[in-house]
């Protein structure tokens, strides 16, 4: 399911695809800048933008229960965020959530 509008920051359009890829495009031309594949399926709610401390990040939740932080310039996972750029949102619960979306 794709239920999310793209966002535009500084002339770059960030969006997610139905196959859980995050894409950065030149907002004026549509030319691809980078693409990141979360290797997940499921419901997709789009991306958010965060800037602070000289860093610019794209945040998104993948259908397999992870919150990702990507460098907005390169599309690479942010190594300072969680474990290798992602946080498992199912971790720490007493109930086994590993099979839930």
Protein backbone atom coordinates (compact mmCIF):
# COMPACT_ATOMS: atom_id res chain seq x y z
CA UNK A 1 0.00 0.00 0.00
CA UNK A 2 1.32 3.44 -0.88
CA UNK A 3 -0.33 6.19 1.16
CA UNK A 4 2.22 8.94 1.34
CA UNK A 5 3.08 12.16 -0.48
CA UNK A 6 6.69 13.00 -1.33
CA UNK A 7 8.50 15.77 0.54
CA UNK A 8 10.74 18.44 -1.00
CA UNK A 9 13.68 19.94 0.90
CA UNK A 10 16.27 22.20 -0.69
CA UNK A 11 15.29 21.27 -4.23
CA UNK A 12 15.41 17.52 -3.58
CA UNK A 13 12.26 15.37 -3.60
CA UNK A 14 12.29 12.38 -1.25
CA UNK A 15 9.74 9.61 -1.61
CA UNK A 16 9.12 5.95 -0.98
CA UNK A 17 7.96 3.36 -3.47
CA UNK A 18 5.53 0.48 -3.05
CA UNK A 19 8.52 -1.86 -2.75
CA UNK A 20 9.94 0.05 0.27
CA UNK A 21 12.66 1.86 -1.63
CA UNK A 22 13.51 5.41 -0.62
CA UNK A 23 14.38 7.61 -3.58
CA UNK A 24 15.86 11.11 -3.87
CA UNK A 25 15.15 13.02 -7.08
CA UNK A 26 16.04 16.45 -8.38
CA UNK A 27 12.70 18.18 -7.77
CA UNK A 28 12.96 20.32 -10.93
CA UNK A 29 13.97 17.61 -13.40
CA UNK A 30 13.04 14.28 -11.80
CA UNK A 31 16.61 13.06 -12.30
CA UNK A 32 17.53 10.35 -9.73
CA UNK A 33 20.10 11.32 -7.11
CA UNK A 34 20.15 8.13 -5.01
CA UNK A 35 18.04 5.10 -4.07
CA UNK A 36 17.96 2.97 -0.90
CA UNK A 37 16.32 -0.47 -0.71
CA UNK A 38 15.07 -1.48 2.76
CA UNK A 39 14.30 -4.99 1.44
CA UNK A 40 10.90 -4.97 3.04
CA UNK A 41 7.29 -5.02 1.99
CA UNK A 42 4.06 -3.99 3.63
CA UNK A 43 2.38 -0.71 4.34
CA UNK A 44 4.36 2.36 3.50
CA UNK A 45 3.79 5.74 5.18
CA UNK A 46 6.51 7.80 3.55
CA UNK A 47 9.49 9.73 4.84
CA UNK A 48 10.34 12.53 7.27
CA UNK A 49 13.22 14.98 7.25
CA UNK A 50 15.46 15.91 10.21
CA UNK A 51 18.34 18.38 10.37
CA UNK A 52 20.63 19.13 13.30
CA UNK A 53 24.27 19.28 14.32
CA UNK A 54 25.36 19.69 10.72
CA UNK A 55 23.59 16.49 9.68
CA UNK A 56 20.60 16.05 7.38
CA UNK A 57 18.64 12.81 7.64
CA UNK A 58 15.70 11.09 6.01
CA UNK A 59 13.73 8.91 8.46
CA UNK A 60 11.27 6.20 7.51
CA UNK A 61 9.66 3.11 8.97
CA UNK A 62 9.89 -0.07 6.93
CA UNK A 63 7.19 -2.71 6.86
CA UNK A 64 9.39 -5.20 8.71
CA UNK A 65 9.43 -3.09 11.90
CA UNK A 66 12.58 -0.98 11.54
CA UNK A 67 13.01 2.78 11.81
CA UNK A 68 15.76 3.86 9.41
CA UNK A 69 17.92 7.00 9.34
CA UNK A 70 19.55 7.77 5.99
CA UNK A 71 22.01 10.51 5.08
CA UNK A 72 19.90 12.92 2.99
CA UNK A 73 22.84 13.66 0.68
CA UNK A 74 23.92 10.08 -0.08
CA UNK A 75 21.07 7.75 0.89
CA UNK A 76 23.42 5.64 3.01
CA UNK A 77 22.31 4.45 6.47
CA UNK A 78 23.48 6.70 9.31
CA UNK A 79 25.98 4.60 11.33
CA UNK A 80 25.42 6.76 14.44
CA UNK A 81 21.69 5.89 14.53
CA UNK A 82 20.74 2.64 16.27
CA UNK A 83 22.51 -0.38 14.81
CA UNK A 84 23.89 0.29 11.31
CA UNK A 85 21.37 3.05 10.69
CA UNK A 86 18.24 1.37 11.98
CA UNK A 87 16.33 0.69 15.19
CA UNK A 88 14.19 -2.42 15.61
CA UNK A 89 10.86 -1.05 16.86
CA UNK A 90 9.81 -4.53 18.00
CA UNK A 91 12.76 -4.97 20.38
CA UNK A 92 12.16 -4.88 24.13
CA UNK A 93 8.59 -6.17 24.16
CA UNK A 94 7.70 -9.18 26.31
CA UNK A 95 5.38 -10.48 23.56
CA UNK A 96 7.11 -11.99 20.50
CA UNK A 97 6.47 -9.47 17.73
CA UNK A 98 8.89 -11.00 15.21
CA UNK A 99 6.07 -12.29 13.00
CA UNK A 100 4.02 -9.08 13.12
CA UNK A 101 4.29 -6.26 10.58
